[in-house]
């Protein structure tokens, strides 16, 4: 059986900012959801303009549902002390389509390579504390068509399965659209058939990724 859970990933529902101070150097982390390399590059340039007077604006981003594209930059810091550790925080958290810029205002004291790695890593973690994240789940957009006599049973069943319709059309027949995790689709079909004596039609419209509300707290 195919493991659809392997196809889930985390995203930023809301970006955020955090700060870490080490020996008077300020490290300001700004995180944002970016769904393309172009969007991430624009975000980096925006932060460089905002913090134009800072000594360094290091960045990292992960693009694609499987993290196909990753980029990072030390922006003048010693090689491997900023961008790579920042990227490792994003990938370690399982985040996709996310970008981070850490701005450093130099405090006059050299931190050494180990100190820089720790500072940039911690700055990203502080920023993540102020972000809202969610898990994207692989599944299907599904249409359920039924009649007025059986809609009560259908809605009761969907409520028990924690599946909320994203739209509903109460016409001559009732059509509900909902997002269903891949592993729940066959079970849903069976339960609906039993509850309505086969009077609820279930059609898969398309495959999608959607926010898993149960895991995201939304």
N, C-alpha and C. Protein backbone atom coordinates (compact mmCIF):
# COMPACT_ATOMS: atom_id res chain seq x y z
N UNK A 1 0.85 -1.21 0.00
CA UNK A 1 0.00 0.00 0.00
C UNK A 1 0.88 1.25 0.00
N UNK A 2 0.54 2.21 -0.87
CA UNK A 2 1.35 3.43 -0.99
C UNK A 2 1.19 4.30 0.24
N UNK A 3 2.29 4.83 0.72
CA UNK A 3 2.26 5.67 1.92
C UNK A 3 2.06 7.12 1.53
N UNK A 4 0.80 7.57 1.61
CA UNK A 4 0.51 8.96 1.24
C UNK A 4 1.05 9.93 2.27
N UNK A 5 1.24 9.48 3.51
CA UNK A 5 1.75 10.39 4.53
C UNK A 5 3.12 10.93 4.17
N UNK A 6 3.88 10.15 3.37
CA UNK A 6 5.20 10.59 2.95
C UNK A 6 5.11 11.82 2.06
N UNK A 7 3.91 12.08 1.51
CA UNK A 7 3.74 13.20 0.61
C UNK A 7 3.22 14.44 1.32
N UNK A 8 3.13 14.42 2.62
CA UNK A 8 2.72 15.62 3.34
C UNK A 8 3.97 16.44 3.67
N UNK A 9 3.75 17.72 3.89
CA UNK A 9 4.88 18.59 4.21
C UNK A 9 4.35 19.80 4.96
N UNK A 10 5.26 20.53 5.62
CA UNK A 10 4.87 21.69 6.42
C UNK A 10 5.08 22.98 5.62
N UNK A 11 4.21 23.95 5.87
CA UNK A 11 4.32 25.26 5.23
C UNK A 11 4.12 26.35 6.28
N UNK A 12 4.49 27.56 5.90
CA UNK A 12 4.18 28.72 6.72
C UNK A 12 2.79 29.21 6.36
N UNK A 13 1.88 29.17 7.31
CA UNK A 13 0.56 29.77 7.09
C UNK A 13 0.66 31.28 7.28
N UNK A 14 1.50 31.68 8.21
CA UNK A 14 1.79 33.10 8.43
C UNK A 14 3.28 33.24 8.73
N UNK A 15 3.95 34.17 8.05
CA UNK A 15 5.36 34.42 8.32
C UNK A 15 5.53 35.13 9.66
N UNK A 16 6.78 35.35 10.02
CA UNK A 16 7.04 36.00 11.31
C UNK A 16 8.46 36.49 11.41
N UNK A 17 8.77 37.07 12.54
CA UNK A 17 10.10 37.64 12.77
C UNK A 17 10.55 37.34 14.19
N UNK A 18 11.85 37.15 14.36
CA UNK A 18 12.41 36.91 15.68
C UNK A 18 13.82 37.47 15.74
N UNK A 19 14.33 37.65 16.96
CA UNK A 19 15.65 38.26 17.12
C UNK A 19 16.48 37.49 18.14
N UNK A 20 17.77 37.41 17.86
CA UNK A 20 18.71 36.77 18.76
C UNK A 20 19.92 37.69 18.90
N UNK A 21 20.40 37.89 20.12
CA UNK A 21 21.54 38.76 20.38
C UNK A 21 22.69 37.94 20.95
N UNK A 22 23.88 38.12 20.37
CA UNK A 22 25.08 37.40 20.83
C UNK A 22 26.24 38.40 20.86
N UNK A 23 26.76 38.67 22.05
CA UNK A 23 27.89 39.59 22.22
C UNK A 23 27.66 40.90 21.47
N UNK A 24 26.47 41.45 21.68
CA UNK A 24 26.04 42.75 21.13
C UNK A 24 25.73 42.73 19.64
N UNK A 25 25.98 41.63 18.95
CA UNK A 25 25.54 41.51 17.56
C UNK A 25 24.06 41.12 17.56
N UNK A 26 23.25 41.84 16.76
CA UNK A 26 21.83 41.54 16.63
C UNK A 26 21.58 40.72 15.37
N UNK A 27 20.85 39.63 15.53
CA UNK A 27 20.48 38.77 14.40
C UNK A 27 18.96 38.78 14.29
N UNK A 28 18.45 39.40 13.24
CA UNK A 28 17.00 39.54 13.05
C UNK A 28 16.57 38.59 11.94
N UNK A 29 15.73 37.61 12.26
CA UNK A 29 15.26 36.63 11.29
C UNK A 29 13.85 37.00 10.82
N UNK A 30 13.66 37.04 9.50
CA UNK A 30 12.35 37.28 8.91
C UNK A 30 12.02 36.10 8.01
N UNK A 31 10.86 35.48 8.25
CA UNK A 31 10.44 34.32 7.47
C UNK A 31 9.17 34.64 6.69
N UNK A 32 9.09 34.09 5.48
CA UNK A 32 7.92 34.32 4.65
C UNK A 32 7.65 33.11 3.76
N UNK A 33 6.38 32.88 3.47
CA UNK A 33 6.01 31.84 2.52
C UNK A 33 6.31 32.32 1.11
N UNK A 34 7.04 31.52 0.33
CA UNK A 34 7.39 31.85 -1.05
C UNK A 34 7.21 30.59 -1.89
N UNK A 35 6.44 30.67 -2.96
CA UNK A 35 6.11 29.47 -3.72
C UNK A 35 6.90 29.33 -5.02
N UNK A 36 7.85 30.23 -5.25
CA UNK A 36 8.71 30.12 -6.44
C UNK A 36 10.06 30.76 -6.11
N UNK A 37 11.07 30.42 -6.92
CA UNK A 37 12.38 31.01 -6.72
C UNK A 37 12.33 32.52 -6.92
N UNK A 38 11.54 32.95 -7.92
CA UNK A 38 11.42 34.39 -8.20
C UNK A 38 10.84 35.13 -7.00
N UNK A 39 9.82 34.54 -6.39
CA UNK A 39 9.21 35.16 -5.22
C UNK A 39 10.20 35.23 -4.06
N UNK A 40 10.98 34.18 -3.88
CA UNK A 40 11.98 34.17 -2.80
C UNK A 40 13.05 35.22 -3.04
N UNK A 41 13.51 35.35 -4.29
CA UNK A 41 14.54 36.34 -4.62
C UNK A 41 14.01 37.76 -4.37
N UNK A 42 12.76 38.00 -4.73
CA UNK A 42 12.16 39.33 -4.47
C UNK A 42 12.10 39.61 -2.97
N UNK A 43 11.77 38.59 -2.19
CA UNK A 43 11.72 38.74 -0.74
C UNK A 43 13.09 39.09 -0.18
N UNK A 44 14.12 38.40 -0.65
CA UNK A 44 15.49 38.68 -0.19
C UNK A 44 15.88 40.12 -0.51
N UNK A 45 15.58 40.55 -1.74
CA UNK A 45 15.91 41.93 -2.13
C UNK A 45 15.14 42.95 -1.30
N UNK A 46 13.90 42.62 -0.98
CA UNK A 46 13.08 43.50 -0.13
C UNK A 46 13.71 43.67 1.25
N UNK A 47 14.20 42.57 1.82
CA UNK A 47 14.83 42.64 3.14
C UNK A 47 16.15 43.39 3.09
N UNK A 48 16.89 43.25 2.00
CA UNK A 48 18.16 43.97 1.86
C UNK A 48 17.92 45.48 1.79
N UNK A 49 16.82 45.87 1.15
CA UNK A 49 16.49 47.30 1.08
C UNK A 49 16.01 47.80 2.44
N UNK A 50 15.23 46.98 3.13
CA UNK A 50 14.71 47.38 4.44
C UNK A 50 15.86 47.55 5.43
N UNK A 51 16.79 46.59 5.41
CA UNK A 51 17.93 46.62 6.35
C UNK A 51 19.21 46.99 5.59
N UNK A 52 19.15 48.08 4.84
CA UNK A 52 20.26 48.47 3.98
C UNK A 52 21.52 48.83 4.77
N UNK A 53 21.33 49.20 6.04
CA UNK A 53 22.47 49.64 6.85
C UNK A 53 23.11 48.50 7.64
N UNK A 54 22.61 47.28 7.46
CA UNK A 54 23.16 46.13 8.19
C UNK A 54 24.41 45.61 7.49
N UNK A 55 25.28 44.96 8.24
CA UNK A 55 26.52 44.44 7.64
C UNK A 55 26.23 43.21 6.78
N UNK A 56 25.27 42.37 7.21
CA UNK A 56 24.97 41.14 6.46
C UNK A 56 23.47 40.91 6.41
N UNK A 57 22.99 40.44 5.25
CA UNK A 57 21.62 39.94 5.09
C UNK A 57 21.72 38.56 4.44
N UNK A 58 21.88 37.54 5.28
CA UNK A 58 22.06 36.17 4.80
C UNK A 58 20.68 35.55 4.56
N UNK A 59 20.61 34.59 3.63
CA UNK A 59 19.29 34.02 3.34
C UNK A 59 19.37 32.53 3.02
N UNK A 60 18.20 31.91 3.08
CA UNK A 60 18.03 30.51 2.70
C UNK A 60 16.58 30.30 2.31
N UNK A 61 16.35 29.43 1.34
CA UNK A 61 14.96 29.09 1.02
C UNK A 61 14.85 27.69 0.45
N UNK A 62 13.65 27.12 0.62
CA UNK A 62 13.31 25.77 0.14
C UNK A 62 12.04 25.90 -0.69
N UNK A 63 12.10 25.51 -1.96
CA UNK A 63 10.96 25.65 -2.86
C UNK A 63 10.57 24.28 -3.41
N UNK A 64 9.26 24.04 -3.53
CA UNK A 64 8.76 22.78 -4.09
C UNK A 64 8.17 21.89 -3.02
N UNK A 65 7.17 21.10 -3.39
CA UNK A 65 6.50 20.24 -2.42
C UNK A 65 7.42 19.17 -1.85
N UNK A 66 8.46 18.83 -2.60
CA UNK A 66 9.45 17.86 -2.11
C UNK A 66 10.80 18.53 -1.83
N UNK A 67 10.80 19.87 -1.76
CA UNK A 67 12.04 20.60 -1.51
C UNK A 67 13.03 20.48 -2.65
N UNK A 68 12.51 20.48 -3.89
CA UNK A 68 13.37 20.27 -5.06
C UNK A 68 14.44 21.35 -5.23
N UNK A 69 14.12 22.58 -4.82
CA UNK A 69 15.06 23.67 -5.01
C UNK A 69 15.44 24.27 -3.67
N UNK A 70 16.74 24.31 -3.39
CA UNK A 70 17.23 24.97 -2.17
C UNK A 70 18.34 25.93 -2.54
N UNK A 71 18.37 27.06 -1.87
CA UNK A 71 19.41 28.05 -2.08
C UNK A 71 19.78 28.66 -0.73
N UNK A 72 21.03 29.08 -0.59
CA UNK A 72 21.43 29.78 0.63
C UNK A 72 22.63 30.66 0.34
N UNK A 73 22.80 31.69 1.14
CA UNK A 73 23.91 32.63 0.95
C UNK A 73 24.43 33.10 2.29
N UNK A 74 25.77 33.17 2.40
CA UNK A 74 26.41 33.69 3.61
C UNK A 74 26.55 35.22 3.58
N UNK A 75 26.34 35.82 2.42
CA UNK A 75 26.38 37.28 2.25
C UNK A 75 27.57 37.93 2.97
N UNK A 76 28.75 37.39 2.72
CA UNK A 76 29.95 38.01 3.27
C UNK A 76 30.44 37.41 4.58
N UNK A 77 29.63 36.61 5.24
CA UNK A 77 30.09 35.90 6.44
C UNK A 77 31.03 34.77 5.98
N UNK A 78 31.90 34.26 6.88
CA UNK A 78 32.76 33.13 6.51
C UNK A 78 31.95 31.97 5.93
N UNK A 79 32.48 31.32 4.91
CA UNK A 79 31.75 30.28 4.19
C UNK A 79 31.21 29.20 5.12
N UNK A 80 29.92 28.92 4.97
CA UNK A 80 29.29 27.85 5.72
C UNK A 80 28.82 28.21 7.12
N UNK A 81 28.95 29.48 7.51
CA UNK A 81 28.59 29.85 8.88
C UNK A 81 27.19 30.44 9.01
N UNK A 82 26.53 30.74 7.89
CA UNK A 82 25.23 31.43 7.97
C UNK A 82 24.16 30.75 7.12
N UNK A 83 24.30 30.84 5.78
CA UNK A 83 23.26 30.32 4.89
C UNK A 83 22.97 28.84 5.08
N UNK A 84 24.02 28.02 5.15
CA UNK A 84 23.82 26.57 5.29
C UNK A 84 23.15 26.21 6.62
N UNK A 85 23.59 26.74 7.75
CA UNK A 85 22.89 26.44 9.00
C UNK A 85 21.44 26.91 8.99
N UNK A 86 21.17 28.05 8.36
CA UNK A 86 19.80 28.54 8.25
C UNK A 86 18.94 27.58 7.43
N UNK A 87 19.50 27.12 6.31
CA UNK A 87 18.79 26.17 5.45
C UNK A 87 18.50 24.87 6.20
N UNK A 88 19.46 24.44 7.00
CA UNK A 88 19.28 23.18 7.75
C UNK A 88 18.15 23.28 8.78
N UNK A 89 17.91 24.48 9.31
CA UNK A 89 16.76 24.65 10.21
C UNK A 89 15.47 24.46 9.43
N UNK A 90 15.36 25.08 8.25
CA UNK A 90 14.14 24.95 7.44
C UNK A 90 13.88 23.50 7.05
N UNK A 91 14.92 22.83 6.53
CA UNK A 91 14.73 21.45 6.10
C UNK A 91 14.51 20.52 7.29
N UNK A 92 15.18 20.81 8.40
CA UNK A 92 15.00 19.99 9.60
C UNK A 92 13.59 20.07 10.15
N UNK A 93 12.92 21.20 9.93
CA UNK A 93 11.54 21.37 10.36
C UNK A 93 10.55 20.81 9.33
N UNK A 94 11.07 20.32 8.20
CA UNK A 94 10.20 19.78 7.16
C UNK A 94 9.45 20.83 6.38
N UNK A 95 9.94 22.07 6.41
CA UNK A 95 9.24 23.17 5.74
C UNK A 95 9.50 23.17 4.24
N UNK A 96 8.48 23.53 3.48
CA UNK A 96 8.59 23.70 2.04
C UNK A 96 8.02 25.08 1.67
N UNK A 97 8.46 25.60 0.53
CA UNK A 97 7.99 26.91 0.05
C UNK A 97 8.14 27.97 1.14
N UNK A 98 9.32 28.00 1.73
CA UNK A 98 9.61 28.93 2.83
C UNK A 98 10.96 29.58 2.59
N UNK A 99 11.05 30.86 2.96
CA UNK A 99 12.32 31.60 2.83
C UNK A 99 12.59 32.35 4.12
N UNK A 100 13.88 32.51 4.43
CA UNK A 100 14.26 33.26 5.63
C UNK A 100 15.46 34.15 5.30
N UNK A 101 15.42 35.36 5.81
CA UNK A 101 16.56 36.28 5.75
C UNK A 101 16.94 36.61 7.18
N UNK A 102 18.22 36.43 7.52
CA UNK A 102 18.72 36.84 8.84
C UNK A 102 19.64 38.03 8.64
N UNK A 103 19.25 39.13 9.25
CA UNK A 103 19.99 40.39 9.17
C UNK A 103 20.89 40.51 10.39
N UNK A 104 22.17 40.81 10.16
CA UNK A 104 23.09 40.96 11.29
C UNK A 104 23.61 42.39 11.40
N UNK A 105 23.40 42.95 12.57
CA UNK A 105 24.04 44.21 12.92
C UNK A 105 25.22 43.88 13.83
N UNK A 106 26.41 44.15 13.35
CA UNK A 106 27.64 43.76 14.05
C UNK A 106 27.80 44.54 15.36
N UNK A 107 28.12 43.79 16.42
CA UNK A 107 28.23 44.41 17.74
C UNK A 107 29.64 44.74 18.17
N UNK A 108 30.61 44.53 17.27
CA UNK A 108 31.98 44.91 17.59
C UNK A 108 32.85 43.79 18.12
N UNK A 109 32.25 42.62 18.38
CA UNK A 109 33.00 41.47 18.91
C UNK A 109 32.90 40.32 17.92
N UNK A 110 34.04 39.77 17.49
CA UNK A 110 34.04 38.62 16.59
C UNK A 110 33.52 37.38 17.32
N UNK A 111 32.68 36.60 16.62
CA UNK A 111 32.06 35.43 17.26
C UNK A 111 32.77 34.12 16.92
N UNK A 112 33.61 34.13 15.90
CA UNK A 112 34.23 32.87 15.48
C UNK A 112 33.24 32.05 14.67
N UNK A 113 33.74 31.05 13.97
CA UNK A 113 32.86 30.27 13.09
C UNK A 113 31.78 29.52 13.88
N UNK A 114 32.17 28.90 14.98
CA UNK A 114 31.18 28.17 15.79
C UNK A 114 30.11 29.10 16.35
N UNK A 115 30.53 30.27 16.79
CA UNK A 115 29.58 31.23 17.34
C UNK A 115 28.61 31.73 16.29
N UNK A 116 29.11 31.94 15.06
CA UNK A 116 28.24 32.39 13.98
C UNK A 116 27.21 31.33 13.61
N UNK A 117 27.65 30.08 13.51
CA UNK A 117 26.72 29.00 13.19
C UNK A 117 25.61 28.93 14.23
N UNK A 118 25.98 29.00 15.49
CA UNK A 118 24.98 28.94 16.57
C UNK A 118 24.03 30.14 16.50
N UNK A 119 24.57 31.32 16.24
CA UNK A 119 23.76 32.54 16.23
C UNK A 119 22.76 32.53 15.08
N UNK A 120 23.20 32.18 13.90
CA UNK A 120 22.29 32.16 12.75
C UNK A 120 21.25 31.06 12.89
N UNK A 121 21.66 29.92 13.42
CA UNK A 121 20.71 28.84 13.67
C UNK A 121 19.65 29.27 14.68
N UNK A 122 20.09 29.87 15.78
CA UNK A 122 19.16 30.27 16.83
C UNK A 122 18.23 31.38 16.36
N UNK A 123 18.74 32.28 15.53
CA UNK A 123 17.90 33.37 15.02
C UNK A 123 16.72 32.82 14.22
N UNK A 124 16.98 31.85 13.35
CA UNK A 124 15.90 31.26 12.56
C UNK A 124 14.88 30.58 13.49
N UNK A 125 15.37 29.88 14.51
CA UNK A 125 14.46 29.22 15.45
C UNK A 125 13.60 30.23 16.20
N UNK A 126 14.19 31.38 16.55
CA UNK A 126 13.42 32.42 17.22
C UNK A 126 12.35 32.98 16.28
N UNK A 127 12.70 33.13 15.01
CA UNK A 127 11.72 33.60 14.04
C UNK A 127 10.58 32.62 13.87
N UNK A 128 10.90 31.34 13.83
CA UNK A 128 9.86 30.32 13.66
C UNK A 128 8.86 30.31 14.82
N UNK A 129 9.32 30.69 16.01
CA UNK A 129 8.42 30.74 17.16
C UNK A 129 7.27 31.72 16.94
N UNK A 130 7.50 32.71 16.09
CA UNK A 130 6.50 33.73 15.83
C UNK A 130 5.79 33.55 14.50
N UNK A 131 5.95 32.37 13.90
CA UNK A 131 5.25 32.02 12.66
C UNK A 131 4.11 31.05 12.97
N UNK A 132 3.17 31.00 12.07
CA UNK A 132 2.11 29.99 12.16
C UNK A 132 2.36 28.99 11.05
N UNK A 133 2.51 27.73 11.41
CA UNK A 133 2.79 26.69 10.42
C UNK A 133 1.63 25.71 10.32
N UNK A 134 1.57 25.02 9.20
CA UNK A 134 0.54 24.01 8.99
C UNK A 134 1.10 22.87 8.16
N UNK A 135 0.38 21.76 8.15
CA UNK A 135 0.82 20.62 7.36
C UNK A 135 -0.08 20.46 6.14
N UNK A 136 0.55 20.40 4.98
CA UNK A 136 -0.17 20.17 3.74
C UNK A 136 -0.31 18.66 3.54
N UNK A 137 -1.52 18.25 3.26
CA UNK A 137 -1.86 16.83 3.15
C UNK A 137 -2.21 16.50 1.70
N UNK A 138 -1.74 15.35 1.22
CA UNK A 138 -2.11 14.89 -0.12
C UNK A 138 -3.49 14.25 -0.07
N UNK A 139 -4.33 14.63 -1.02
CA UNK A 139 -5.67 14.05 -1.04
C UNK A 139 -6.40 14.39 -2.32
N UNK A 140 -7.74 14.53 -2.19
CA UNK A 140 -8.59 14.72 -3.36
C UNK A 140 -9.68 15.74 -3.08
N UNK A 141 -10.01 16.51 -4.10
CA UNK A 141 -11.23 17.31 -4.07
C UNK A 141 -12.35 16.40 -4.55
N UNK A 142 -13.38 16.26 -3.72
CA UNK A 142 -14.44 15.28 -3.96
C UNK A 142 -15.79 15.98 -4.02
N UNK A 143 -16.66 15.51 -4.90
CA UNK A 143 -18.04 15.99 -4.97
C UNK A 143 -18.99 14.89 -4.50
N UNK A 144 -19.85 15.23 -3.56
CA UNK A 144 -20.88 14.30 -3.09
C UNK A 144 -22.23 14.85 -3.53
N UNK A 145 -22.99 14.05 -4.25
CA UNK A 145 -24.32 14.45 -4.69
C UNK A 145 -25.36 13.55 -4.03
N UNK A 146 -26.36 14.16 -3.41
CA UNK A 146 -27.40 13.38 -2.73
C UNK A 146 -28.72 14.16 -2.77
N UNK A 147 -29.74 13.65 -2.08
CA UNK A 147 -31.04 14.31 -2.07
C UNK A 147 -31.37 14.84 -0.68
N UNK A 148 -32.48 15.56 -0.58
CA UNK A 148 -32.84 16.22 0.68
C UNK A 148 -33.20 15.22 1.77
N UNK A 149 -33.67 14.04 1.40
CA UNK A 149 -34.04 13.05 2.41
C UNK A 149 -32.81 12.51 3.14
N UNK A 150 -31.67 12.52 2.45
CA UNK A 150 -30.49 11.86 3.01
C UNK A 150 -29.37 12.83 3.41
N UNK A 151 -29.56 14.11 3.17
CA UNK A 151 -28.49 15.07 3.47
C UNK A 151 -28.14 15.10 4.96
N UNK A 152 -29.14 14.89 5.82
CA UNK A 152 -28.88 14.87 7.26
C UNK A 152 -27.90 13.78 7.64
N UNK A 153 -28.09 12.57 7.07
CA UNK A 153 -27.18 11.46 7.35
C UNK A 153 -25.79 11.73 6.80
N UNK A 154 -25.75 12.35 5.61
CA UNK A 154 -24.46 12.66 5.00
C UNK A 154 -23.68 13.64 5.86
N UNK A 155 -24.33 14.73 6.29
CA UNK A 155 -23.65 15.74 7.11
C UNK A 155 -23.24 15.17 8.47
N UNK A 156 -24.06 14.31 9.04
CA UNK A 156 -23.72 13.68 10.32
C UNK A 156 -22.46 12.82 10.17
N UNK A 157 -22.39 12.06 9.07
CA UNK A 157 -21.23 11.21 8.82
C UNK A 157 -19.97 12.06 8.60
N UNK A 158 -20.11 13.11 7.82
CA UNK A 158 -18.96 13.98 7.55
C UNK A 158 -18.46 14.62 8.84
N UNK A 159 -19.39 15.00 9.71
CA UNK A 159 -19.01 15.58 11.00
C UNK A 159 -18.21 14.60 11.84
N UNK A 160 -18.63 13.34 11.86
CA UNK A 160 -17.91 12.31 12.62
C UNK A 160 -16.51 12.07 12.07
N UNK A 161 -16.36 12.25 10.75
CA UNK A 161 -15.05 12.04 10.11
C UNK A 161 -14.22 13.31 10.08
N UNK A 162 -14.76 14.40 10.68
CA UNK A 162 -14.07 15.70 10.71
C UNK A 162 -13.74 16.19 9.30
N UNK A 163 -14.72 16.03 8.40
CA UNK A 163 -14.60 16.51 7.03
C UNK A 163 -15.64 17.61 6.81
N UNK A 164 -15.16 18.84 6.67
CA UNK A 164 -16.06 19.98 6.47
C UNK A 164 -16.15 20.32 4.99
N UNK A 165 -17.37 20.41 4.42
CA UNK A 165 -17.51 20.81 3.03
C UNK A 165 -16.91 22.20 2.80
N UNK A 166 -16.22 22.37 1.66
CA UNK A 166 -15.68 23.68 1.32
C UNK A 166 -16.70 24.50 0.54
N UNK A 167 -17.71 23.83 -0.02
CA UNK A 167 -18.81 24.53 -0.67
C UNK A 167 -20.01 23.60 -0.73
N UNK A 168 -21.21 24.18 -0.87
CA UNK A 168 -22.43 23.39 -0.97
C UNK A 168 -23.41 24.09 -1.90
N UNK A 169 -24.12 23.31 -2.69
CA UNK A 169 -25.10 23.84 -3.64
C UNK A 169 -26.42 23.10 -3.42
N UNK A 170 -27.40 23.82 -2.86
CA UNK A 170 -28.70 23.21 -2.58
C UNK A 170 -29.65 23.55 -3.72
N UNK A 171 -29.63 22.75 -4.77
CA UNK A 171 -30.51 22.92 -5.91
C UNK A 171 -31.53 21.81 -5.95
N UNK A 172 -31.80 21.31 -7.14
CA UNK A 172 -32.71 20.18 -7.28
C UNK A 172 -32.16 18.97 -6.52
N UNK A 173 -30.85 18.80 -6.60
CA UNK A 173 -30.14 17.86 -5.75
C UNK A 173 -29.05 18.64 -5.02
N UNK A 174 -28.53 18.06 -3.96
CA UNK A 174 -27.53 18.75 -3.14
C UNK A 174 -26.14 18.27 -3.54
N UNK A 175 -25.25 19.23 -3.81
CA UNK A 175 -23.88 18.90 -4.19
C UNK A 175 -22.93 19.54 -3.17
N UNK A 176 -22.15 18.70 -2.51
CA UNK A 176 -21.14 19.16 -1.55
C UNK A 176 -19.76 18.92 -2.13
N UNK A 177 -18.87 19.89 -1.95
CA UNK A 177 -17.47 19.68 -2.32
C UNK A 177 -16.65 19.67 -1.05
N UNK A 178 -15.71 18.73 -0.96
CA UNK A 178 -14.87 18.66 0.23
C UNK A 178 -13.50 18.11 -0.11
N UNK A 179 -12.54 18.43 0.77
CA UNK A 179 -11.16 17.96 0.63
C UNK A 179 -10.99 16.74 1.52
N UNK A 180 -10.56 15.64 0.91
CA UNK A 180 -10.48 14.37 1.62
C UNK A 180 -9.05 13.83 1.57
N UNK A 181 -8.43 13.54 2.72
CA UNK A 181 -7.11 12.88 2.70
C UNK A 181 -7.18 11.59 1.89
N UNK A 182 -6.12 11.30 1.14
CA UNK A 182 -6.14 10.14 0.24
C UNK A 182 -6.50 8.85 0.95
N UNK A 183 -5.99 8.67 2.16
CA UNK A 183 -6.21 7.42 2.87
C UNK A 183 -7.64 7.27 3.39
N UNK A 184 -8.43 8.35 3.34
CA UNK A 184 -9.81 8.28 3.84
C UNK A 184 -10.86 8.10 2.76
N UNK A 185 -10.47 8.21 1.48
CA UNK A 185 -11.46 8.25 0.41
C UNK A 185 -12.27 6.97 0.30
N UNK A 186 -11.63 5.82 0.27
CA UNK A 186 -12.38 4.57 0.11
C UNK A 186 -13.28 4.31 1.32
N UNK A 187 -12.79 4.63 2.50
CA UNK A 187 -13.61 4.47 3.71
C UNK A 187 -14.83 5.38 3.64
N UNK A 188 -14.63 6.63 3.18
CA UNK A 188 -15.75 7.57 3.05
C UNK A 188 -16.79 7.03 2.08
N UNK A 189 -16.36 6.50 0.95
CA UNK A 189 -17.31 5.95 -0.03
C UNK A 189 -18.15 4.84 0.58
N UNK A 190 -17.49 3.94 1.31
CA UNK A 190 -18.20 2.81 1.92
C UNK A 190 -19.19 3.29 2.97
N UNK A 191 -18.78 4.20 3.83
CA UNK A 191 -19.65 4.70 4.89
C UNK A 191 -20.85 5.45 4.32
N UNK A 192 -20.62 6.24 3.28
CA UNK A 192 -21.73 6.97 2.66
C UNK A 192 -22.72 6.01 2.00
N UNK A 193 -22.19 4.98 1.33
CA UNK A 193 -23.07 4.00 0.69
C UNK A 193 -23.94 3.29 1.73
N UNK A 194 -23.33 2.93 2.87
CA UNK A 194 -24.09 2.26 3.93
C UNK A 194 -25.14 3.19 4.54
N UNK A 195 -24.75 4.46 4.76
CA UNK A 195 -25.65 5.40 5.45
C UNK A 195 -26.82 5.84 4.59
N UNK A 196 -26.65 5.83 3.26
CA UNK A 196 -27.70 6.36 2.37
C UNK A 196 -28.30 5.30 1.46
N UNK A 197 -27.99 4.03 1.72
CA UNK A 197 -28.45 2.95 0.85
C UNK A 197 -28.05 3.18 -0.61
N UNK A 198 -26.84 3.67 -0.78
CA UNK A 198 -26.31 3.88 -2.12
C UNK A 198 -26.86 5.09 -2.84
N UNK A 199 -27.51 6.00 -2.10
CA UNK A 199 -28.13 7.18 -2.73
C UNK A 199 -27.26 8.44 -2.64
N UNK A 200 -25.99 8.27 -2.35
CA UNK A 200 -25.06 9.40 -2.37
C UNK A 200 -23.94 9.06 -3.36
N UNK A 201 -23.82 9.89 -4.38
CA UNK A 201 -22.80 9.67 -5.40
C UNK A 201 -21.52 10.41 -5.02
N UNK A 202 -20.39 9.72 -5.07
CA UNK A 202 -19.11 10.31 -4.72
C UNK A 202 -18.22 10.32 -5.96
N UNK A 203 -17.76 11.51 -6.36
CA UNK A 203 -16.91 11.65 -7.55
C UNK A 203 -15.63 12.39 -7.18
N UNK A 204 -14.49 11.82 -7.53
CA UNK A 204 -13.21 12.50 -7.32
C UNK A 204 -13.00 13.51 -8.44
N UNK A 205 -12.88 14.79 -8.08
CA UNK A 205 -12.72 15.85 -9.07
C UNK A 205 -11.26 15.96 -9.50
N UNK A 206 -10.34 16.03 -8.53
CA UNK A 206 -8.92 16.14 -8.85
C UNK A 206 -8.09 15.85 -7.62
N UNK A 207 -6.80 15.55 -7.85
CA UNK A 207 -5.84 15.35 -6.76
C UNK A 207 -5.33 16.72 -6.31
N UNK A 208 -5.17 16.90 -5.01
CA UNK A 208 -4.75 18.20 -4.48
C UNK A 208 -3.86 18.02 -3.25
N UNK A 209 -3.22 19.11 -2.86
CA UNK A 209 -2.64 19.25 -1.52
C UNK A 209 -3.47 20.30 -0.80
N UNK A 210 -3.78 20.07 0.45
CA UNK A 210 -4.55 21.04 1.21
C UNK A 210 -4.10 21.03 2.66
N UNK A 211 -4.42 22.12 3.36
CA UNK A 211 -4.02 22.25 4.77
C UNK A 211 -4.81 21.27 5.62
N UNK A 212 -4.09 20.42 6.33
CA UNK A 212 -4.71 19.48 7.27
C UNK A 212 -5.09 20.26 8.52
N UNK A 213 -6.39 20.58 8.64
CA UNK A 213 -6.85 21.43 9.73
C UNK A 213 -6.65 20.78 11.11
N UNK A 214 -6.77 19.46 11.14
CA UNK A 214 -6.62 18.77 12.43
C UNK A 214 -5.21 18.94 12.98
N UNK A 215 -4.18 18.92 12.08
CA UNK A 215 -2.79 19.03 12.54
C UNK A 215 -2.33 20.48 12.60
N UNK A 216 -3.03 21.37 11.91
CA UNK A 216 -2.59 22.76 11.85
C UNK A 216 -3.27 23.66 12.86
N UNK A 217 -4.32 23.16 13.50
CA UNK A 217 -5.02 23.95 14.49
C UNK A 217 -5.80 25.11 13.89
N UNK A 218 -6.29 24.91 12.66
CA UNK A 218 -7.07 25.97 12.00
C UNK A 218 -8.47 25.47 11.66
